[in-house]
Amino acid sequence: MSMDVKPHAFDPVLNPELFEGVLARRVLAFLIDFVVISVPLVLASVFIFIFGIVTLTLGWALYGLLAPASVIWAIAYFGLTLGGPRSATIGMRMLDLEMRTWYGAPAYFVLGAVHAVGYWLSVSALTPFILLVPFFNQRRRLLHDIVLGTVIINNPQRAAQLRPFVAR
């Protein structure tokens, strides 16, 4: 096993097209993913409500399982989508983004799941002001990106389209 430190694969000076507009589209991707995660949870809530009426309120005890199920669903969603072949959630795919490790490898399930948990913990523990971190680094990485060694970039197709228009 080699302990050599790998260099950063994505240089914002040499390849600015990889980082052009990523931050704004990342916010929109988050909102799309929020909707994708919320819809099944809302449907489950409606089902539990109706089931509770049919069972004369006994079914409403299932609401106690909704909170843990929502956490499991969100972690599975991020782990499976970020750890998938495109290294992107549904929202990120719609906006031509992908997640890579700092040395260029695609994401994997555990990294995707930990990335989501890291985001939730950093925003809840350090207040939403932590979201200002990307304005102070060239790769536009959030705190949890830096800690986990990930970077969000434009996918190769979008980067190729932007290449002629981005100044080097």
N, C-alpha and C. Protein backbone atom coordinates (compact mmCIF):
# COMPACT_ATOMS: atom_id res chain seq x y z
N MET A 1 0.85 -1.17 0.00
CA MET A 1 0.00 0.00 0.00
C MET A 1 0.89 1.24 0.00
N SER A 2 0.67 2.09 -0.94
CA SER A 2 1.46 3.30 -1.07
C SER A 2 0.87 4.42 -0.25
N MET A 3 1.70 5.19 0.39
CA MET A 3 1.24 6.32 1.20
C MET A 3 1.53 7.65 0.52
N ASP A 4 1.73 7.61 -0.80
CA ASP A 4 2.00 8.83 -1.55
C ASP A 4 0.77 9.72 -1.56
N VAL A 5 0.97 11.00 -1.35
CA VAL A 5 -0.12 11.96 -1.40
C VAL A 5 -0.36 12.32 -2.85
N LYS A 6 -1.60 12.18 -3.28
CA LYS A 6 -1.95 12.48 -4.66
C LYS A 6 -2.21 13.98 -4.81
N PRO A 7 -1.84 14.55 -5.95
CA PRO A 7 -2.11 15.98 -6.16
C PRO A 7 -3.59 16.20 -6.48
N HIS A 8 -4.03 17.43 -6.31
CA HIS A 8 -5.41 17.78 -6.68
C HIS A 8 -5.61 17.55 -8.17
N ALA A 9 -6.70 16.90 -8.52
CA ALA A 9 -6.96 16.60 -9.93
C ALA A 9 -7.58 17.79 -10.66
N PHE A 10 -8.23 18.68 -9.92
CA PHE A 10 -8.98 19.77 -10.55
C PHE A 10 -8.41 21.11 -10.11
N ASP A 11 -7.78 21.79 -11.03
CA ASP A 11 -7.16 23.08 -10.75
C ASP A 11 -8.05 24.19 -11.32
N PRO A 12 -8.57 25.07 -10.46
CA PRO A 12 -9.45 26.13 -10.96
C PRO A 12 -8.75 27.15 -11.85
N VAL A 13 -7.42 27.22 -11.78
CA VAL A 13 -6.69 28.15 -12.65
C VAL A 13 -6.52 27.55 -14.04
N LEU A 14 -6.15 26.28 -14.09
CA LEU A 14 -5.94 25.61 -15.38
C LEU A 14 -7.25 25.18 -16.05
N ASN A 15 -8.26 24.85 -15.25
CA ASN A 15 -9.54 24.39 -15.77
C ASN A 15 -10.70 25.15 -15.14
N PRO A 16 -10.83 26.44 -15.42
CA PRO A 16 -11.92 27.21 -14.79
C PRO A 16 -13.31 26.75 -15.23
N GLU A 17 -13.40 26.10 -16.39
CA GLU A 17 -14.70 25.64 -16.87
C GLU A 17 -15.31 24.57 -15.96
N LEU A 18 -14.49 23.89 -15.18
CA LEU A 18 -15.01 22.89 -14.26
C LEU A 18 -15.75 23.52 -13.08
N PHE A 19 -15.44 24.77 -12.77
CA PHE A 19 -16.00 25.43 -11.58
C PHE A 19 -16.96 26.57 -11.92
N GLU A 20 -17.09 26.91 -13.18
CA GLU A 20 -17.91 28.03 -13.61
C GLU A 20 -19.38 27.78 -13.29
N GLY A 21 -19.97 28.63 -12.45
CA GLY A 21 -21.39 28.57 -12.13
C GLY A 21 -21.81 27.41 -11.25
N VAL A 22 -20.87 26.70 -10.68
CA VAL A 22 -21.19 25.51 -9.89
C VAL A 22 -21.97 25.86 -8.63
N LEU A 23 -21.59 26.92 -7.97
CA LEU A 23 -22.20 27.25 -6.68
C LEU A 23 -23.70 27.52 -6.80
N ALA A 24 -24.09 28.33 -7.77
CA ALA A 24 -25.52 28.66 -7.95
C ALA A 24 -26.30 27.41 -8.36
N ARG A 25 -25.73 26.62 -9.25
CA ARG A 25 -26.44 25.42 -9.68
C ARG A 25 -26.48 24.37 -8.58
N ARG A 26 -25.51 24.42 -7.69
CA ARG A 26 -25.51 23.49 -6.56
C ARG A 26 -26.67 23.78 -5.62
N VAL A 27 -26.97 25.05 -5.43
CA VAL A 27 -28.12 25.44 -4.59
C VAL A 27 -29.42 24.93 -5.22
N LEU A 28 -29.57 25.12 -6.53
CA LEU A 28 -30.77 24.64 -7.22
C LEU A 28 -30.86 23.12 -7.17
N ALA A 29 -29.74 22.44 -7.31
CA ALA A 29 -29.73 20.97 -7.22
C ALA A 29 -30.17 20.52 -5.83
N PHE A 30 -29.75 21.24 -4.80
CA PHE A 30 -30.17 20.91 -3.44
C PHE A 30 -31.69 21.02 -3.31
N LEU A 31 -32.27 22.06 -3.89
CA LEU A 31 -33.72 22.23 -3.81
C LEU A 31 -34.45 21.12 -4.55
N ILE A 32 -33.95 20.72 -5.71
CA ILE A 32 -34.55 19.61 -6.45
C ILE A 32 -34.46 18.33 -5.64
N ASP A 33 -33.31 18.07 -5.05
CA ASP A 33 -33.13 16.87 -4.23
C ASP A 33 -34.03 16.90 -3.00
N PHE A 34 -34.23 18.07 -2.44
CA PHE A 34 -35.14 18.21 -1.29
C PHE A 34 -36.55 17.77 -1.68
N VAL A 35 -37.00 18.17 -2.86
CA VAL A 35 -38.33 17.77 -3.33
C VAL A 35 -38.37 16.27 -3.57
N VAL A 36 -37.33 15.72 -4.19
CA VAL A 36 -37.29 14.28 -4.48
C VAL A 36 -37.33 13.48 -3.18
N ILE A 37 -36.67 13.95 -2.16
CA ILE A 37 -36.68 13.26 -0.87
C ILE A 37 -38.01 13.44 -0.16
N SER A 38 -38.60 14.62 -0.29
CA SER A 38 -39.84 14.94 0.44
C SER A 38 -41.07 14.23 -0.10
N VAL A 39 -41.18 14.05 -1.40
CA VAL A 39 -42.40 13.48 -1.98
C VAL A 39 -42.74 12.10 -1.39
N PRO A 40 -41.82 11.15 -1.34
CA PRO A 40 -42.18 9.86 -0.72
C PRO A 40 -42.56 9.99 0.76
N LEU A 41 -41.94 10.92 1.46
CA LEU A 41 -42.26 11.11 2.88
C LEU A 41 -43.66 11.69 3.05
N VAL A 42 -44.03 12.61 2.19
CA VAL A 42 -45.38 13.18 2.25
C VAL A 42 -46.41 12.10 1.90
N LEU A 43 -46.12 11.29 0.89
CA LEU A 43 -47.03 10.20 0.53
C LEU A 43 -47.16 9.20 1.68
N ALA A 44 -46.06 8.90 2.36
CA ALA A 44 -46.11 8.00 3.51
C ALA A 44 -46.94 8.60 4.63
N SER A 45 -46.83 9.90 4.84
CA SER A 45 -47.62 10.57 5.88
C SER A 45 -49.11 10.50 5.57
N VAL A 46 -49.45 10.72 4.32
CA VAL A 46 -50.86 10.64 3.91
C VAL A 46 -51.37 9.22 4.10
N PHE A 47 -50.56 8.23 3.70
CA PHE A 47 -50.95 6.83 3.88
C PHE A 47 -51.18 6.52 5.36
N ILE A 48 -50.27 6.95 6.21
CA ILE A 48 -50.42 6.69 7.65
C ILE A 48 -51.67 7.36 8.19
N PHE A 49 -51.96 8.57 7.73
CA PHE A 49 -53.16 9.26 8.18
C PHE A 49 -54.41 8.48 7.81
N ILE A 50 -54.48 8.06 6.56
CA ILE A 50 -55.65 7.30 6.11
C ILE A 50 -55.71 5.95 6.81
N PHE A 51 -54.57 5.30 6.96
CA PHE A 51 -54.52 4.02 7.67
C PHE A 51 -54.97 4.18 9.12
N GLY A 52 -54.63 5.32 9.74
CA GLY A 52 -55.05 5.59 11.11
C GLY A 52 -56.56 5.75 11.22
N ILE A 53 -57.17 6.35 10.22
CA ILE A 53 -58.63 6.50 10.23
C ILE A 53 -59.28 5.12 10.08
N VAL A 54 -58.76 4.32 9.15
CA VAL A 54 -59.33 2.99 8.90
C VAL A 54 -59.17 2.10 10.13
N THR A 55 -58.07 2.22 10.85
CA THR A 55 -57.82 1.36 12.02
C THR A 55 -58.27 2.03 13.33
N LEU A 56 -59.08 3.05 13.23
CA LEU A 56 -59.59 3.76 14.41
C LEU A 56 -58.45 4.27 15.30
N THR A 57 -57.55 4.98 14.72
CA THR A 57 -56.39 5.68 15.30
C THR A 57 -55.21 4.78 15.67
N LEU A 58 -55.34 3.47 15.58
CA LEU A 58 -54.21 2.60 15.91
C LEU A 58 -53.06 2.78 14.92
N GLY A 59 -53.37 3.00 13.66
CA GLY A 59 -52.36 3.14 12.63
C GLY A 59 -51.52 4.40 12.78
N TRP A 60 -52.02 5.36 13.52
CA TRP A 60 -51.27 6.61 13.69
C TRP A 60 -50.00 6.40 14.50
N ALA A 61 -49.87 5.27 15.13
CA ALA A 61 -48.63 4.96 15.86
C ALA A 61 -47.45 4.85 14.88
N LEU A 62 -47.75 4.61 13.62
CA LEU A 62 -46.69 4.53 12.60
C LEU A 62 -45.99 5.86 12.38
N TYR A 63 -46.61 6.95 12.80
CA TYR A 63 -45.95 8.24 12.68
C TYR A 63 -44.62 8.25 13.45
N GLY A 64 -44.52 7.45 14.48
CA GLY A 64 -43.27 7.35 15.24
C GLY A 64 -42.12 6.77 14.42
N LEU A 65 -42.45 6.00 13.39
CA LEU A 65 -41.43 5.43 12.52
C LEU A 65 -41.05 6.36 11.37
N LEU A 66 -41.83 7.41 11.18
CA LEU A 66 -41.60 8.29 10.03
C LEU A 66 -40.29 9.06 10.14
N ALA A 67 -39.94 9.54 11.32
CA ALA A 67 -38.68 10.29 11.48
C ALA A 67 -37.46 9.41 11.21
N PRO A 68 -37.35 8.23 11.83
CA PRO A 68 -36.19 7.39 11.49
C PRO A 68 -36.20 6.94 10.03
N ALA A 69 -37.37 6.68 9.49
CA ALA A 69 -37.46 6.27 8.09
C ALA A 69 -37.01 7.40 7.16
N SER A 70 -37.31 8.63 7.51
CA SER A 70 -36.90 9.75 6.67
C SER A 70 -35.38 9.91 6.67
N VAL A 71 -34.75 9.70 7.81
CA VAL A 71 -33.29 9.77 7.88
C VAL A 71 -32.66 8.65 7.05
N ILE A 72 -33.18 7.44 7.20
CA ILE A 72 -32.66 6.30 6.44
C ILE A 72 -32.86 6.53 4.94
N TRP A 73 -34.03 7.02 4.56
CA TRP A 73 -34.32 7.29 3.14
C TRP A 73 -33.36 8.34 2.58
N ALA A 74 -33.13 9.41 3.31
CA ALA A 74 -32.24 10.47 2.82
C ALA A 74 -30.80 9.97 2.69
N ILE A 75 -30.33 9.24 3.68
CA ILE A 75 -28.96 8.71 3.61
C ILE A 75 -28.83 7.72 2.45
N ALA A 76 -29.83 6.85 2.28
CA ALA A 76 -29.80 5.90 1.17
C ALA A 76 -29.85 6.62 -0.17
N TYR A 77 -30.68 7.65 -0.27
CA TYR A 77 -30.79 8.42 -1.52
C TYR A 77 -29.44 9.03 -1.90
N PHE A 78 -28.82 9.73 -0.96
CA PHE A 78 -27.54 10.36 -1.27
C PHE A 78 -26.44 9.33 -1.50
N GLY A 79 -26.43 8.28 -0.71
CA GLY A 79 -25.41 7.25 -0.89
C GLY A 79 -25.53 6.55 -2.24
N LEU A 80 -26.75 6.19 -2.62
CA LEU A 80 -26.95 5.48 -3.88
C LEU A 80 -26.74 6.38 -5.09
N THR A 81 -27.20 7.62 -5.03
CA THR A 81 -27.07 8.49 -6.20
C THR A 81 -25.65 9.03 -6.34
N LEU A 82 -25.07 9.51 -5.25
CA LEU A 82 -23.69 10.00 -5.33
C LEU A 82 -22.71 8.85 -5.55
N GLY A 83 -23.03 7.69 -5.05
CA GLY A 83 -22.18 6.53 -5.23
C GLY A 83 -22.44 5.78 -6.52
N GLY A 84 -23.39 6.25 -7.30
CA GLY A 84 -23.71 5.61 -8.57
C GLY A 84 -22.71 5.94 -9.66
N PRO A 85 -22.95 5.44 -10.86
CA PRO A 85 -21.99 5.62 -11.95
C PRO A 85 -21.79 7.08 -12.38
N ARG A 86 -22.77 7.95 -12.13
CA ARG A 86 -22.63 9.35 -12.53
C ARG A 86 -22.17 10.25 -11.39
N SER A 87 -22.00 9.71 -10.21
CA SER A 87 -21.55 10.46 -9.04
C SER A 87 -22.33 11.75 -8.85
N ALA A 88 -23.66 11.65 -8.98
CA ALA A 88 -24.50 12.84 -8.87
C ALA A 88 -25.90 12.45 -8.43
N THR A 89 -26.50 13.31 -7.62
CA THR A 89 -27.90 13.12 -7.25
C THR A 89 -28.77 13.48 -8.46
N ILE A 90 -30.06 13.26 -8.34
CA ILE A 90 -30.97 13.60 -9.44
C ILE A 90 -30.90 15.10 -9.74
N GLY A 91 -30.91 15.92 -8.71
CA GLY A 91 -30.80 17.37 -8.90
C GLY A 91 -29.49 17.76 -9.55
N MET A 92 -28.41 17.13 -9.14
CA MET A 92 -27.10 17.43 -9.72
C MET A 92 -27.05 17.01 -11.19
N ARG A 93 -27.66 15.87 -11.52
CA ARG A 93 -27.70 15.43 -12.91
C ARG A 93 -28.47 16.40 -13.78
N MET A 94 -29.58 16.91 -13.24
CA MET A 94 -30.39 17.86 -14.01
C MET A 94 -29.62 19.14 -14.30
N LEU A 95 -28.68 19.48 -13.43
CA LEU A 95 -27.93 20.72 -13.57
C LEU A 95 -26.47 20.49 -13.98
N ASP A 96 -26.17 19.32 -14.50
CA ASP A 96 -24.85 19.00 -15.05
C ASP A 96 -23.70 19.12 -14.05
N LEU A 97 -23.92 18.63 -12.84
CA LEU A 97 -22.89 18.63 -11.81
C LEU A 97 -22.52 17.20 -11.46
N GLU A 98 -21.35 17.02 -10.90
CA GLU A 98 -20.96 15.71 -10.38
C GLU A 98 -19.98 15.90 -9.22
N MET A 99 -19.93 14.90 -8.37
CA MET A 99 -19.02 14.94 -7.23
C MET A 99 -17.85 14.02 -7.49
N ARG A 100 -16.65 14.50 -7.19
CA ARG A 100 -15.43 13.72 -7.32
C ARG A 100 -14.61 13.87 -6.05
N THR A 101 -13.72 12.93 -5.84
CA THR A 101 -12.76 13.09 -4.75
C THR A 101 -11.74 14.13 -5.20
N TRP A 102 -10.97 14.67 -4.28
CA TRP A 102 -10.02 15.73 -4.63
C TRP A 102 -8.97 15.24 -5.61
N TYR A 103 -8.75 13.94 -5.68
CA TYR A 103 -7.77 13.42 -6.62
C TYR A 103 -8.42 12.89 -7.90
N GLY A 104 -9.74 13.09 -8.08
CA GLY A 104 -10.40 12.82 -9.36
C GLY A 104 -11.22 11.55 -9.45
N ALA A 105 -11.22 10.73 -8.43
CA ALA A 105 -11.98 9.48 -8.48
C ALA A 105 -13.48 9.76 -8.29
N PRO A 106 -14.33 8.92 -8.86
CA PRO A 106 -15.77 9.09 -8.62
C PRO A 106 -16.12 8.77 -7.17
N ALA A 107 -17.27 9.26 -6.75
CA ALA A 107 -17.73 9.01 -5.38
C ALA A 107 -18.21 7.56 -5.26
N TYR A 108 -18.38 7.11 -4.04
CA TYR A 108 -18.88 5.78 -3.76
C TYR A 108 -19.93 5.91 -2.66
N PHE A 109 -20.67 4.81 -2.38
CA PHE A 109 -21.83 4.87 -1.50
C PHE A 109 -21.53 5.51 -0.15
N VAL A 110 -20.52 5.02 0.53
CA VAL A 110 -20.22 5.52 1.88
C VAL A 110 -19.86 7.01 1.84
N LEU A 111 -19.09 7.41 0.85
CA LEU A 111 -18.72 8.82 0.72
C LEU A 111 -19.96 9.68 0.48
N GLY A 112 -20.88 9.21 -0.36
CA GLY A 112 -22.11 9.95 -0.61
C GLY A 112 -22.96 10.09 0.64
N ALA A 113 -23.09 9.01 1.39
CA ALA A 113 -23.88 9.04 2.61
C ALA A 113 -23.23 9.94 3.66
N VAL A 114 -21.94 9.82 3.84
CA VAL A 114 -21.23 10.64 4.83
C VAL A 114 -21.24 12.12 4.39
N HIS A 115 -21.20 12.35 3.10
CA HIS A 115 -21.26 13.73 2.58
C HIS A 115 -22.57 14.39 3.00
N ALA A 116 -23.67 13.67 2.87
CA ALA A 116 -24.98 14.22 3.27
C ALA A 116 -25.03 14.46 4.78
N VAL A 117 -24.57 13.49 5.56
CA VAL A 117 -24.58 13.64 7.02
C VAL A 117 -23.66 14.80 7.43
N GLY A 118 -22.50 14.90 6.78
CA GLY A 118 -21.58 16.01 7.07
C GLY A 118 -22.21 17.36 6.79
N TYR A 119 -22.96 17.45 5.70
CA TYR A 119 -23.65 18.70 5.38
C TYR A 119 -24.66 19.04 6.48
N TRP A 120 -25.52 18.08 6.83
CA TRP A 120 -26.55 18.34 7.83
C TRP A 120 -25.94 18.71 9.17
N LEU A 121 -24.88 18.01 9.57
CA LEU A 121 -24.25 18.32 10.86
C LEU A 121 -23.57 19.69 10.84
N SER A 122 -22.87 20.01 9.75
CA SER A 122 -22.17 21.29 9.71
C SER A 122 -23.15 22.46 9.69
N VAL A 123 -24.23 22.33 8.96
CA VAL A 123 -25.21 23.43 8.90
C VAL A 123 -25.96 23.56 10.22
N SER A 124 -26.31 22.44 10.85
CA SER A 124 -27.06 22.54 12.10
C SER A 124 -26.18 22.93 13.28
N ALA A 125 -24.93 22.46 13.32
CA ALA A 125 -24.06 22.77 14.45
C ALA A 125 -23.37 24.12 14.32
N LEU A 126 -23.03 24.50 13.11
CA LEU A 126 -22.25 25.72 12.91
C LEU A 126 -23.07 26.87 12.31
N THR A 127 -24.34 26.75 12.31
CA THR A 127 -25.30 27.72 11.76
C THR A 127 -25.18 27.80 10.24
N PRO A 128 -26.18 28.32 9.59
CA PRO A 128 -26.11 28.45 8.13
C PRO A 128 -24.99 29.37 7.63
N PHE A 129 -24.35 30.12 8.52
CA PHE A 129 -23.23 30.97 8.08
C PHE A 129 -22.08 30.14 7.53
N ILE A 130 -22.06 28.85 7.84
CA ILE A 130 -21.02 27.97 7.32
C ILE A 130 -21.12 27.88 5.80
N LEU A 131 -22.28 28.22 5.26
CA LEU A 131 -22.47 28.18 3.81
C LEU A 131 -21.73 29.31 3.09
N LEU A 132 -21.07 30.19 3.84
CA LEU A 132 -20.27 31.25 3.24
C LEU A 132 -18.85 30.78 2.89
N VAL A 133 -18.47 29.61 3.37
CA VAL A 133 -17.12 29.09 3.14
C VAL A 133 -16.73 29.05 1.66
N PRO A 134 -17.61 28.64 0.75
CA PRO A 134 -17.16 28.53 -0.65
C PRO A 134 -16.79 29.86 -1.30
N PHE A 135 -17.19 30.96 -0.71
CA PHE A 135 -16.83 32.26 -1.27
C PHE A 135 -15.38 32.63 -0.98
N PHE A 136 -14.71 31.82 -0.16
CA PHE A 136 -13.35 32.13 0.24
C PHE A 136 -12.33 31.08 -0.20
N ASN A 137 -12.70 30.21 -1.15
CA ASN A 137 -11.73 29.26 -1.71
C ASN A 137 -11.97 29.11 -3.20
N GLN A 138 -10.91 28.84 -3.93
CA GLN A 138 -10.98 28.81 -5.40
C GLN A 138 -11.84 27.69 -5.96
N ARG A 139 -11.90 26.58 -5.28
CA ARG A 139 -12.66 25.44 -5.79
C ARG A 139 -14.13 25.49 -5.38
N ARG A 140 -14.52 26.53 -4.67
CA ARG A 140 -15.91 26.73 -4.24
C ARG A 140 -16.43 25.55 -3.43
N ARG A 141 -15.58 25.04 -2.54
CA ARG A 141 -15.94 23.90 -1.72
C ARG A 141 -16.54 24.35 -0.40
N LEU A 142 -17.57 23.63 0.06
CA LEU A 142 -18.14 23.86 1.37
C LEU A 142 -17.26 23.18 2.41
N LEU A 143 -17.50 23.48 3.68
CA LEU A 143 -16.67 22.92 4.75
C LEU A 143 -16.66 21.39 4.73
N HIS A 144 -17.83 20.79 4.57
CA HIS A 144 -17.87 19.33 4.56
C HIS A 144 -17.19 18.75 3.32
N ASP A 145 -17.15 19.49 2.22
CA ASP A 145 -16.39 19.05 1.05
C ASP A 145 -14.90 19.01 1.37
N ILE A 146 -14.43 20.03 2.04
CA ILE A 146 -13.01 20.12 2.40
C ILE A 146 -12.64 19.00 3.37
N VAL A 147 -13.47 18.79 4.38
CA VAL A 147 -13.19 17.76 5.39
C VAL A 147 -13.19 16.37 4.76
N LEU A 148 -14.13 16.12 3.85
CA LEU A 148 -14.25 14.79 3.24
C LEU A 148 -13.38 14.61 2.00
N GLY A 149 -12.77 15.68 1.52
CA GLY A 149 -11.90 15.56 0.35
C GLY A 149 -12.67 15.41 -0.95
N THR A 150 -13.80 16.11 -1.07
CA THR A 150 -14.59 16.04 -2.29
C THR A 150 -14.65 17.41 -2.96
N VAL A 151 -15.04 17.40 -4.21
CA VAL A 151 -15.22 18.63 -4.96
C VAL A 151 -16.40 18.43 -5.92
N ILE A 152 -17.23 19.45 -6.04
CA ILE A 152 -18.34 19.42 -6.98
C ILE A 152 -17.91 20.21 -8.21
N ILE A 153 -18.02 19.58 -9.37
CA ILE A 153 -17.58 20.22 -10.61
C ILE A 153 -18.66 20.06 -11.68
N ASN A 154 -18.50 20.81 -12.76
CA ASN A 154 -19.35 20.59 -13.93
C ASN A 154 -19.01 19.24 -14.53
N ASN A 155 -20.01 18.56 -15.07
CA ASN A 155 -19.71 17.28 -15.72
C ASN A 155 -18.94 17.53 -17.02
N PRO A 156 -18.32 16.52 -17.59
CA PRO A 156 -17.47 16.74 -18.77
C PRO A 156 -18.19 17.39 -19.95
N GLN A 157 -19.47 17.07 -20.15
CA GLN A 157 -20.20 17.65 -21.27
C GLN A 157 -20.38 19.16 -21.08
N ARG A 158 -20.77 19.57 -19.89
CA ARG A 158 -20.95 21.00 -19.63
C ARG A 158 -19.61 21.73 -19.67
N ALA A 159 -18.58 21.12 -19.10
CA ALA A 159 -17.26 21.74 -19.12
C ALA A 159 -16.78 21.95 -20.55
N ALA A 160 -17.04 20.98 -21.42
CA ALA A 160 -16.63 21.12 -22.83
C ALA A 160 -17.38 22.27 -23.49
N GLN A 161 -18.65 22.46 -23.16
CA GLN A 161 -19.43 23.56 -23.72
C GLN A 161 -18.92 24.91 -23.22
N LEU A 162 -18.50 24.97 -21.96
CA LEU A 162 -18.04 26.23 -21.36
C LEU A 162 -16.61 26.58 -21.74
N ARG A 163 -15.80 25.61 -22.10
CA ARG A 163 -14.38 25.82 -22.33
C ARG A 163 -14.07 27.01 -23.26
N PRO A 164 -14.76 27.19 -24.39
CA PRO A 164 -14.41 28.32 -25.27
C PRO A 164 -14.77 29.70 -24.68
N PHE A 165 -15.67 29.72 -23.69
CA PHE A 165 -16.17 31.00 -23.18
C PHE A 165 -15.52 31.45 -21.88
N VAL A 166 -14.84 30.55 -21.21
CA VAL A 166 -14.25 30.86 -19.91
C VAL A 166 -12.81 31.33 -20.12
N ALA A 167 -12.50 32.49 -19.56
CA ALA A 167 -11.14 33.03 -19.69
C ALA A 167 -10.18 32.25 -18.83
N ARG A 168 -9.00 32.03 -19.32
CA ARG A 168 -7.96 31.34 -18.54
C ARG A 168 -6.98 32.32 -18.02
